[in-house]
Amino acid sequence: MRFLTTCLLILALAAANAAQAGTIRVLQANLFSWSTMDPAKQPSPIVKLSQYVNQHRHDFVTTQENEYRLLDSRYQLSADYKLAGELQDASIFYDSTRWEPDGAPWSRIAVSADGGGERLAVFSQFRNKASGGKVVIATTHLCIAWGGHADCNGGQYAAHVADARNIGRYVDAYAPGDVPLIVTGDFNNFDRNAEQSAAIEQAFAAYGLEAVKTGEDFIGPTFEASTIDFVYSRKLAVQSASLYGAAAGNPSDHAAIDVTFAARLFR
């Protein structure tokens, strides 16, 4: 009986590990907040987001507005997380206990600039250490036209659509065709928010990327009453998706999008 119990326990643990290997959990988070940037607050409120990541063990965290050096020990992000892209306007962090950079080196392209300067999209390829499965992660912070910034080059609406197309074209060349792909990021558009979201969706769809939604709706709102953060994927099925907002302890002015994908390729 003891032997049978031991065997059942081993099988249960193996099944649990297989289940984890068959999922990819991503947190898309714009870190900006007037309150969390207050240097007088010790510890920094952004620690709450680090604790959320540490607790839930996200495979990847994509961020924008990186005034915080999240890898600085003061922000208490687990040392397991490493940086695989820019530590400026758009960044990719990965859990190094489960993933490692693979294939082409991380890359970046410029997207439409604004009065605040350069904007970019960042790309990186990863390999799962346990299964050997691969995934490409990309993230971007598209141009903004408020808060002291001059309008996006070419106008905000047109710029966002053009940038989505450029990201789609680039990732088609950067990502091997059979490798799952996740594209995250945010844009700023409030007056035509729903129309802009639909236009970006259409642009990405031309490259096989599907928006993460709840039914027919984008995940949101992520900033005030607008849905400006996004997550798209290719060759992945959404297992669950939710908002990590202020009510759950997110210190940012932006709600984060927390998505778990069922990675069929890894099973």
C-alpha atoms as a PDB file:
ATOM      1  CA  MET A   1       0.000   0.000   0.000  1.00  0.00           C
ATOM      2  CA  ARG A   2       2.856   2.354   0.867  1.00  0.00           C
ATOM      3  CA  PHE A   3       4.479   1.617  -2.490  1.00  0.00           C
ATOM      4  CA  LEU A   4       1.195   2.328  -4.303  1.00  0.00           C
ATOM      5  CA  THR A   5       0.774   5.596  -2.397  1.00  0.00           C
ATOM      6  CA  THR A   6       4.306   6.647  -3.333  1.00  0.00           C
ATOM      7  CA  CYS A   7       3.692   5.838  -6.992  1.00  0.00           C
ATOM      8  CA  LEU A   8       0.467   7.826  -6.994  1.00  0.00           C
ATOM      9  CA  LEU A   9       2.260  10.791  -5.424  1.00  0.00           C
ATOM     10  CA  ILE A  10       4.996  10.666  -8.062  1.00  0.00           C
ATOM     11  CA  LEU A  11       2.416  10.523 -10.840  1.00  0.00           C
ATOM     12  CA  ALA A  12       0.516  13.440  -9.325  1.00  0.00           C
ATOM     13  CA  LEU A  13       3.675  15.548  -9.134  1.00  0.00           C
ATOM     14  CA  ALA A  14       4.569  14.652 -12.703  1.00  0.00           C
ATOM     15  CA  ALA A  15       1.106  15.632 -13.863  1.00  0.00           C
ATOM     16  CA  ALA A  16       1.370  18.941 -12.024  1.00  0.00           C
ATOM     17  CA  ASN A  17       4.735  19.685 -13.610  1.00  0.00           C
ATOM     18  CA  ALA A  18       3.402  18.739 -17.038  1.00  0.00           C
ATOM     19  CA  ALA A  19       0.424  21.027 -16.561  1.00  0.00           C
ATOM     20  CA  GLN A  20       2.686  23.939 -15.624  1.00  0.00           C
ATOM     21  CA  ALA A  21       4.969  23.208 -18.577  1.00  0.00           C
ATOM     22  CA  GLY A  22       1.876  23.377 -20.786  1.00  0.00           C
ATOM     23  CA  THR A  23       1.027  26.967 -19.834  1.00  0.00           C
ATOM     24  CA  ILE A  24       2.586  30.394 -20.245  1.00  0.00           C
ATOM     25  CA  ARG A  25       1.535  33.152 -17.841  1.00  0.00           C
ATOM     26  CA  VAL A  26       2.217  36.754 -18.895  1.00  0.00           C
ATOM     27  CA  LEU A  27       1.649  40.019 -17.046  1.00  0.00           C
ATOM     28  CA  GLN A  28       1.364  43.137 -19.217  1.00  0.00           C
ATOM     29  CA  ALA A  29       1.926  46.145 -16.940  1.00  0.00           C
ATOM     30  CA  ASN A  30       2.395  49.849 -17.555  1.00  0.00           C
ATOM     31  CA  LEU A  31       4.202  50.929 -14.376  1.00  0.00           C
ATOM     32  CA  PHE A  32       3.431  54.636 -14.474  1.00  0.00           C
ATOM     33  CA  SER A  33       1.675  56.254 -11.536  1.00  0.00           C
ATOM     34  CA  TRP A  34       1.955  59.718 -10.047  1.00  0.00           C
ATOM     35  CA  SER A  35       1.654  58.301  -6.536  1.00  0.00           C
ATOM     36  CA  THR A  36       4.101  55.421  -6.920  1.00  0.00           C
ATOM     37  CA  MET A  37       6.763  57.742  -8.344  1.00  0.00           C
ATOM     38  CA  ASP A  38       6.867  59.712  -5.089  1.00  0.00           C
ATOM     39  CA  PRO A  39      10.472  59.214  -3.857  1.00  0.00           C
ATOM     40  CA  ALA A  40       9.417  60.055  -0.301  1.00  0.00           C
ATOM     41  CA  LYS A  41       7.458  56.822  -0.042  1.00  0.00           C
ATOM     42  CA  GLN A  42       9.534  54.035   1.463  1.00  0.00           C
ATOM     43  CA  PRO A  43       9.306  51.297   0.501  1.00  0.00           C
ATOM     44  CA  SER A  44       8.247  52.236  -3.002  1.00  0.00           C
ATOM     45  CA  PRO A  45       4.607  51.300  -3.671  1.00  0.00           C
ATOM     46  CA  ILE A  46       5.725  49.440  -6.812  1.00  0.00           C
ATOM     47  CA  VAL A  47       6.906  46.697  -4.426  1.00  0.00           C
ATOM     48  CA  LYS A  48       3.282  45.534  -4.347  1.00  0.00           C
ATOM     49  CA  LEU A  49       3.488  44.671  -8.036  1.00  0.00           C
ATOM     50  CA  SER A  50       6.770  42.825  -7.491  1.00  0.00           C
ATOM     51  CA  GLN A  51       5.143  40.814  -4.717  1.00  0.00           C
ATOM     52  CA  TYR A  52       2.251  39.934  -7.023  1.00  0.00           C
ATOM     53  CA  VAL A  53       4.693  38.634  -9.646  1.00  0.00           C
ATOM     54  CA  ASN A  54       6.732  36.724  -7.066  1.00  0.00           C
ATOM     55  CA  GLN A  55       3.598  35.108  -5.662  1.00  0.00           C
ATOM     56  CA  HIS A  56       2.069  34.064  -8.985  1.00  0.00           C
ATOM     57  CA  ARG A  57       5.350  33.166 -10.708  1.00  0.00           C
ATOM     58  CA  HIS A  58       4.602  34.699 -14.073  1.00  0.00           C
ATOM     59  CA  ASP A  59       6.689  33.272 -16.887  1.00  0.00           C
ATOM     60  CA  PHE A  60       7.053  36.720 -18.440  1.00  0.00           C
ATOM     61  CA  VAL A  61       6.407  40.300 -17.373  1.00  0.00           C
ATOM     62  CA  THR A  62       6.240  42.992 -20.056  1.00  0.00           C
ATOM     63  CA  THR A  63       6.368  46.592 -18.883  1.00  0.00           C
ATOM     64  CA  GLN A  64       6.227  50.178 -20.115  1.00  0.00           C
ATOM     65  CA  GLU A  65       7.065  53.509 -18.442  1.00  0.00           C
ATOM     66  CA  ASN A  66      10.092  51.990 -16.762  1.00  0.00           C
ATOM     67  CA  GLU A  67      11.058  54.762 -14.379  1.00  0.00           C
ATOM     68  CA  TYR A  68      11.577  51.875 -11.949  1.00  0.00           C
ATOM     69  CA  ARG A  69      14.632  49.689 -12.328  1.00  0.00           C
ATOM     70  CA  LEU A  70      12.669  46.615 -11.336  1.00  0.00           C
ATOM     71  CA  LEU A  71      15.830  44.525 -10.995  1.00  0.00           C
ATOM     72  CA  ASP A  72      17.096  46.877  -8.288  1.00  0.00           C
ATOM     73  CA  SER A  73      16.873  45.014  -4.976  1.00  0.00           C
ATOM     74  CA  ARG A  74      14.847  47.835  -3.400  1.00  0.00           C
ATOM     75  CA  TYR A  75      11.860  46.806  -5.521  1.00  0.00           C
ATOM     76  CA  GLN A  76      12.007  43.230  -4.200  1.00  0.00           C
ATOM     77  CA  LEU A  77      11.404  41.416  -7.488  1.00  0.00           C
ATOM     78  CA  SER A  78      12.692  37.844  -7.218  1.00  0.00           C
ATOM     79  CA  ALA A  79      16.260  37.401  -8.433  1.00  0.00           C
ATOM     80  CA  ASP A  80      14.903  34.629 -10.679  1.00  0.00           C
ATOM     81  CA  TYR A  81      13.646  37.314 -13.063  1.00  0.00           C
ATOM     82  CA  LYS A  82      16.080  38.565 -15.679  1.00  0.00           C
ATOM     83  CA  LEU A  83      15.881  41.264 -18.337  1.00  0.00           C
ATOM     84  CA  ALA A  84      15.749  40.242 -21.996  1.00  0.00           C
ATOM     85  CA  GLY A  85      15.167  43.628 -23.619  1.00  0.00           C
ATOM     86  CA  GLU A  86      15.326  47.375 -23.140  1.00  0.00           C
ATOM     87  CA  LEU A  87      15.169  48.870 -19.664  1.00  0.00           C
ATOM     88  CA  GLN A  88      13.640  52.055 -20.991  1.00  0.00           C
ATOM     89  CA  ASP A  89      10.243  52.565 -22.579  1.00  0.00           C
ATOM     90  CA  ALA A  90       9.433  48.861 -23.116  1.00  0.00           C
ATOM     91  CA  SER A  91      10.975  45.857 -21.368  1.00  0.00           C
ATOM     92  CA  ILE A  92      10.682  42.064 -21.199  1.00  0.00           C
ATOM     93  CA  PHE A  93      11.436  40.170 -17.974  1.00  0.00           C
ATOM     94  CA  TYR A  94      11.504  36.361 -17.806  1.00  0.00           C
ATOM     95  CA  ASP A  95      11.653  33.696 -15.098  1.00  0.00           C
ATOM     96  CA  SER A  96      15.160  32.312 -15.585  1.00  0.00           C
ATOM     97  CA  THR A  97      14.386  29.121 -13.639  1.00  0.00           C
ATOM     98  CA  ARG A  98      12.035  28.047 -16.449  1.00  0.00           C
ATOM     99  CA  TRP A  99      13.145  29.991 -19.525  1.00  0.00           C
ATOM    100  CA  GLU A 100      16.309  31.019 -21.316  1.00  0.00           C
ATOM    101  CA  PRO A 101      16.948  33.248 -24.331  1.00  0.00           C
ATOM    102  CA  ASP A 102      17.095  31.215 -27.520  1.00  0.00           C
ATOM    103  CA  GLY A 103      17.480  31.664 -31.254  1.00  0.00           C
ATOM    104  CA  ALA A 104      17.995  35.141 -32.637  1.00  0.00           C
ATOM    105  CA  PRO A 105      19.266  37.702 -30.088  1.00  0.00           C
ATOM    106  CA  TRP A 106      16.772  40.175 -28.680  1.00  0.00           C
ATOM    107  CA  SER A 107      15.973  42.965 -31.060  1.00  0.00           C
ATOM    108  CA  ARG A 108      14.237  46.330 -31.220  1.00  0.00           C
ATOM    109  CA  ILE A 109      12.656  48.535 -33.842  1.00  0.00           C
ATOM    110  CA  ALA A 110      11.545  52.148 -33.725  1.00  0.00           C
ATOM    111  CA  VAL A 111       7.849  52.979 -33.800  1.00  0.00           C
ATOM    112  CA  SER A 112       6.312  56.416 -34.318  1.00  0.00           C
ATOM    113  CA  ALA A 113       7.959  59.043 -32.132  1.00  0.00           C
ATOM    114  CA  ASP A 114       6.248  61.861 -30.267  1.00  0.00           C
ATOM    115  CA  GLY A 115       7.258  64.978 -28.383  1.00  0.00           C
ATOM    116  CA  GLY A 116       8.686  62.784 -25.626  1.00  0.00           C
ATOM    117  CA  GLY A 117      11.219  61.284 -28.014  1.00  0.00           C
ATOM    118  CA  GLU A 118      11.846  57.810 -29.391  1.00  0.00           C
ATOM    119  CA  ARG A 119       9.327  54.969 -29.017  1.00  0.00           C
ATOM    120  CA  LEU A 120      10.175  51.363 -29.675  1.00  0.00           C
ATOM    121  CA  ALA A 121       9.086  47.741 -29.837  1.00  0.00           C
ATOM    122  CA  VAL A 122      11.232  44.991 -28.300  1.00  0.00           C
ATOM    123  CA  PHE A 123      11.412  41.318 -29.358  1.00  0.00           C
ATOM    124  CA  SER A 124      13.004  38.257 -27.751  1.00  0.00           C
ATOM    125  CA  GLN A 125      12.955  34.478 -28.308  1.00  0.00           C
ATOM    126  CA  PHE A 126      12.893  31.991 -25.429  1.00  0.00           C
ATOM    127  CA  ARG A 127      13.246  28.269 -24.820  1.00  0.00           C
ATOM    128  CA  ASN A 128      11.548  26.399 -21.986  1.00  0.00           C
ATOM    129  CA  LYS A 129      14.246  24.602 -20.002  1.00  0.00           C
ATOM    130  CA  ALA A 130      12.036  21.636 -19.092  1.00  0.00           C
ATOM    131  CA  SER A 131      10.163  20.962 -22.320  1.00  0.00           C
ATOM    132  CA  GLY A 132      12.327  22.585 -24.971  1.00  0.00           C
ATOM    133  CA  GLY A 133       9.268  24.455 -26.225  1.00  0.00           C
ATOM    134  CA  LYS A 134       9.864  27.916 -27.646  1.00  0.00           C
ATOM    135  CA  VAL A 135       8.010  31.217 -27.635  1.00  0.00           C
ATOM    136  CA  VAL A 136       8.607  34.719 -28.958  1.00  0.00           C
ATOM    137  CA  ILE A 137       7.648  37.699 -26.773  1.00  0.00           C
ATOM    138  CA  ALA A 138       7.298  41.246 -28.078  1.00  0.00           C
ATOM    139  CA  THR A 139       6.206  44.414 -26.310  1.00  0.00           C
ATOM    140  CA  THR A 140       5.822  48.070 -27.223  1.00  0.00           C
ATOM    141  CA  HIS A 141       4.772  51.466 -25.921  1.00  0.00           C
ATOM    142  CA  LEU A 142       3.157  53.358 -28.773  1.00  0.00           C
ATOM    143  CA  CYS A 143       3.338  57.130 -29.072  1.00  0.00           C
ATOM    144  CA  ILE A 144       1.177  59.397 -26.958  1.00  0.00           C
ATOM    145  CA  ALA A 145      -0.331  62.813 -27.585  1.00  0.00           C
ATOM    146  CA  TRP A 146      -1.136  64.314 -24.213  1.00  0.00           C
ATOM    147  CA  GLY A 147       0.535  65.149 -20.916  1.00  0.00           C
ATOM    148  CA  GLY A 148       2.985  67.568 -22.515  1.00  0.00           C
ATOM    149  CA  HIS A 149       3.890  65.349 -25.463  1.00  0.00           C
ATOM    150  CA  ALA A 150       3.483  66.638 -29.000  1.00  0.00           C
ATOM    151  CA  ASP A 151       1.192  64.616 -31.243  1.00  0.00           C
ATOM    152  CA  CYS A 152       2.428  61.358 -32.730  1.00  0.00           C
ATOM    153  CA  ASN A 153       4.215  61.757 -36.025  1.00  0.00           C
ATOM    154  CA  GLY A 154       1.515  61.534 -38.679  1.00  0.00           C
ATOM    155  CA  GLY A 155      -1.303  61.821 -36.149  1.00  0.00           C
ATOM    156  CA  GLN A 156      -2.109  59.433 -33.338  1.00  0.00           C
ATOM    157  CA  TYR A 157      -4.735  57.236 -34.976  1.00  0.00           C
ATOM    158  CA  ALA A 158      -2.797  56.682 -38.211  1.00  0.00           C
ATOM    159  CA  ALA A 159       0.492  56.231 -36.330  1.00  0.00           C
ATOM    160  CA  HIS A 160      -0.881  53.438 -34.132  1.00  0.00           C
ATOM    161  CA  VAL A 161      -2.223  51.517 -37.118  1.00  0.00           C
ATOM    162  CA  ALA A 162       1.037  51.937 -39.043  1.00  0.00           C
ATOM    163  CA  ASP A 163       3.047  50.821 -36.017  1.00  0.00           C
ATOM    164  CA  ALA A 164       0.908  47.698 -35.524  1.00  0.00           C
ATOM    165  CA  ARG A 165       1.511  46.783 -39.153  1.00  0.00           C
ATOM    166  CA  ASN A 166       5.259  47.380 -38.818  1.00  0.00           C
ATOM    167  CA  ILE A 167       5.414  45.212 -35.695  1.00  0.00           C
ATOM    168  CA  GLY A 168       3.484  42.473 -37.495  1.00  0.00           C
ATOM    169  CA  ARG A 169       5.810  42.583 -40.499  1.00  0.00           C
ATOM    170  CA  TYR A 170       8.907  42.568 -38.329  1.00  0.00           C
ATOM    171  CA  VAL A 171       7.787  39.701 -36.133  1.00  0.00           C
ATOM    172  CA  ASP A 172       6.950  37.621 -39.206  1.00  0.00           C
ATOM    173  CA  ALA A 173      10.640  37.752 -40.128  1.00  0.00           C
ATOM    174  CA  TYR A 174      11.968  37.530 -36.552  1.00  0.00           C
ATOM    175  CA  ALA A 175       9.799  34.657 -35.254  1.00  0.00           C
ATOM    176  CA  PRO A 176      10.113  31.172 -36.771  1.00  0.00           C
ATOM    177  CA  GLY A 177       6.770  30.298 -38.339  1.00  0.00           C
ATOM    178  CA  ASP A 178       5.982  27.362 -36.036  1.00  0.00           C
ATOM    179  CA  VAL A 179       6.859  29.167 -32.788  1.00  0.00           C
ATOM    180  CA  PRO A 180       4.076  30.622 -30.594  1.00  0.00           C
ATOM    181  CA  LEU A 181       4.065  34.396 -30.345  1.00  0.00           C
ATOM    182  CA  ILE A 182       2.810  36.926 -27.794  1.00  0.00           C
ATOM    183  CA  VAL A 183       2.684  40.680 -28.474  1.00  0.00           C
ATOM    184  CA  THR A 184       1.824  43.089 -25.654  1.00  0.00           C
ATOM    185  CA  GLY A 185       1.901  46.811 -25.092  1.00  0.00           C
ATOM    186  CA  ASP A 186      -0.166  49.919 -24.739  1.00  0.00           C
ATOM    187  CA  PHE A 187      -1.245  53.014 -26.628  1.00  0.00           C
ATOM    188  CA  ASN A 188      -2.940  56.230 -25.580  1.00  0.00           C
ATOM    189  CA  ASN A 189      -6.194  57.129 -27.224  1.00  0.00           C
ATOM    190  CA  PHE A 190      -9.304  58.201 -25.344  1.00  0.00           C
ATOM    191  CA  ASP A 191     -11.610  60.080 -27.721  1.00  0.00           C
ATOM    192  CA  ARG A 192     -11.645  57.235 -30.256  1.00  0.00           C
ATOM    193  CA  ASN A 193     -10.623  54.425 -27.943  1.00  0.00           C
ATOM    194  CA  ALA A 194     -12.928  51.666 -29.204  1.00  0.00           C
ATOM    195  CA  GLU A 195     -12.331  52.624 -32.828  1.00  0.00           C
ATOM    196  CA  GLN A 196      -8.563  52.709 -32.293  1.00  0.00           C
ATOM    197  CA  SER A 197      -8.579  49.315 -30.553  1.00  0.00           C
ATOM    198  CA  ALA A 198     -10.506  47.801 -33.457  1.00  0.00           C
ATOM    199  CA  ALA A 199      -8.102  49.295 -36.006  1.00  0.00           C
ATOM    200  CA  ILE A 200      -5.063  47.903 -34.175  1.00  0.00           C
ATOM    201  CA  GLU A 201      -6.798  44.529 -33.957  1.00  0.00           C
ATOM    202  CA  GLN A 202      -7.401  44.525 -37.699  1.00  0.00           C
ATOM    203  CA  ALA A 203      -3.779  45.439 -38.404  1.00  0.00           C
ATOM    204  CA  PHE A 204      -2.435  42.638 -36.193  1.00  0.00           C
ATOM    205  CA  ALA A 205      -4.952  40.122 -37.579  1.00  0.00           C
ATOM    206  CA  ALA A 206      -3.243  40.352 -40.972  1.00  0.00           C
ATOM    207  CA  TYR A 207      -0.288  38.595 -39.324  1.00  0.00           C
ATOM    208  CA  GLY A 208      -2.306  35.898 -37.595  1.00  0.00           C
ATOM    209  CA  LEU A 209      -2.371  37.622 -34.193  1.00  0.00           C
ATOM    210  CA  GLU A 210      -5.553  37.338 -32.134  1.00  0.00           C
ATOM    211  CA  ALA A 211      -6.548  39.754 -29.362  1.00  0.00           C
ATOM    212  CA  VAL A 212      -7.056  38.425 -25.854  1.00  0.00           C
ATOM    213  CA  LYS A 213     -10.686  39.213 -25.013  1.00  0.00           C
ATOM    214  CA  THR A 214     -13.533  38.278 -22.742  1.00  0.00           C
ATOM    215  CA  GLY A 215     -16.171  37.371 -25.274  1.00  0.00           C
ATOM    216  CA  GLU A 216     -16.336  40.228 -27.752  1.00  0.00           C
ATOM    217  CA  ASP A 217     -14.701  42.770 -25.450  1.00  0.00           C
ATOM    218  CA  PHE A 218     -11.062  43.708 -24.973  1.00  0.00           C
ATOM    219  CA  ILE A 219      -9.705  43.208 -21.445  1.00  0.00           C
ATOM    220  CA  GLY A 220     -10.243  46.504 -19.646  1.00  0.00           C
ATOM    221  CA  PRO A 221     -10.573  49.303 -18.917  1.00  0.00           C
ATOM    222  CA  THR A 222      -6.884  49.569 -18.135  1.00  0.00           C
ATOM    223  CA  PHE A 223      -6.606  53.336 -17.647  1.00  0.00           C
ATOM    224  CA  GLU A 224      -9.516  55.369 -16.311  1.00  0.00           C
ATOM    225  CA  ALA A 225     -12.443  54.474 -18.609  1.00  0.00           C
ATOM    226  CA  SER A 226     -10.274  53.474 -21.583  1.00  0.00           C
ATOM    227  CA  THR A 227      -8.756  50.185 -22.703  1.00  0.00           C
ATOM    228  CA  ILE A 228      -5.271  51.079 -23.856  1.00  0.00           C
ATOM    229  CA  ASP A 229      -3.224  48.016 -22.830  1.00  0.00           C
ATOM    230  CA  PHE A 230      -3.371  44.971 -25.075  1.00  0.00           C
ATOM    231  CA  VAL A 231      -2.241  41.351 -25.425  1.00  0.00           C
ATOM    232  CA  TYR A 232      -2.225  39.466 -28.741  1.00  0.00           C
ATOM    233  CA  SER A 233      -1.083  35.933 -29.493  1.00  0.00           C
ATOM    234  CA  ARG A 234      -0.517  33.449 -32.286  1.00  0.00           C
ATOM    235  CA  LYS A 235      -0.514  29.629 -32.021  1.00  0.00           C
ATOM    236  CA  LEU A 236      -1.670  29.830 -28.391  1.00  0.00           C
ATOM    237  CA  ALA A 237      -5.040  29.318 -26.706  1.00  0.00           C
ATOM    238  CA  VAL A 238      -6.147  31.584 -23.866  1.00  0.00           C
ATOM    239  CA  GLN A 239      -6.764  29.603 -20.682  1.00  0.00           C
ATOM    240  CA  SER A 240      -7.639  32.569 -18.447  1.00  0.00           C
ATOM    241  CA  ALA A 241      -7.408  36.359 -18.519  1.00  0.00           C
ATOM    242  CA  SER A 242      -8.087  38.981 -15.879  1.00  0.00           C
ATOM    243  CA  LEU A 243      -7.217  42.484 -14.742  1.00  0.00           C
ATOM    244  CA  TYR A 244      -4.807  43.145 -11.899  1.00  0.00           C
ATOM    245  CA  GLY A 245      -6.003  46.552 -10.750  1.00  0.00           C
ATOM    246  CA  ALA A 246      -5.995  48.855  -7.766  1.00  0.00           C
ATOM    247  CA  ALA A 247      -8.590  46.798  -5.883  1.00  0.00           C
ATOM    248  CA  ALA A 248      -6.211  43.835  -5.969  1.00  0.00           C
ATOM    249  CA  GLY A 249      -3.242  45.945  -4.867  1.00  0.00           C
ATOM    250  CA  ASN A 250      -1.711  47.140  -8.141  1.00  0.00           C
ATOM    251  CA  PRO A 251      -0.064  50.498  -7.251  1.00  0.00           C
ATOM    252  CA  SER A 252       0.063  51.765 -10.841  1.00  0.00           C
ATOM    253  CA  ASP A 253      -2.508  54.104 -12.356  1.00  0.00           C
ATOM    254  CA  HIS A 254      -2.822  51.436 -15.058  1.00  0.00           C
ATOM    255  CA  ALA A 255      -4.508  48.096 -14.501  1.00  0.00           C
ATOM    256  CA  ALA A 256      -2.320  45.204 -15.686  1.00  0.00           C
ATOM    257  CA  ILE A 257      -3.531  42.346 -17.891  1.00  0.00           C
ATOM    258  CA  ASP A 258      -2.785  38.882 -16.480  1.00  0.00           C
ATOM    259  CA  VAL A 259      -3.098  36.114 -19.079  1.00  0.00           C
ATOM    260  CA  THR A 260      -2.429  32.381 -18.925  1.00  0.00           C
ATOM    261  CA  PHE A 261      -2.060  30.617 -22.264  1.00  0.00           C
ATOM    262  CA  ALA A 262      -2.366  26.893 -22.885  1.00  0.00           C
ATOM    263  CA  ALA A 263       0.767  26.197 -24.882  1.00  0.00           C
ATOM    264  CA  ARG A 264      -0.320  23.253 -27.039  1.00  0.00           C
ATOM    265  CA  LEU A 265       3.129  22.980 -28.561  1.00  0.00           C
ATOM    266  CA  PHE A 266       4.626  22.147 -25.158  1.00  0.00           C
ATOM    267  CA  ARG A 267       2.390  19.156 -24.391  1.00  0.00           C
END
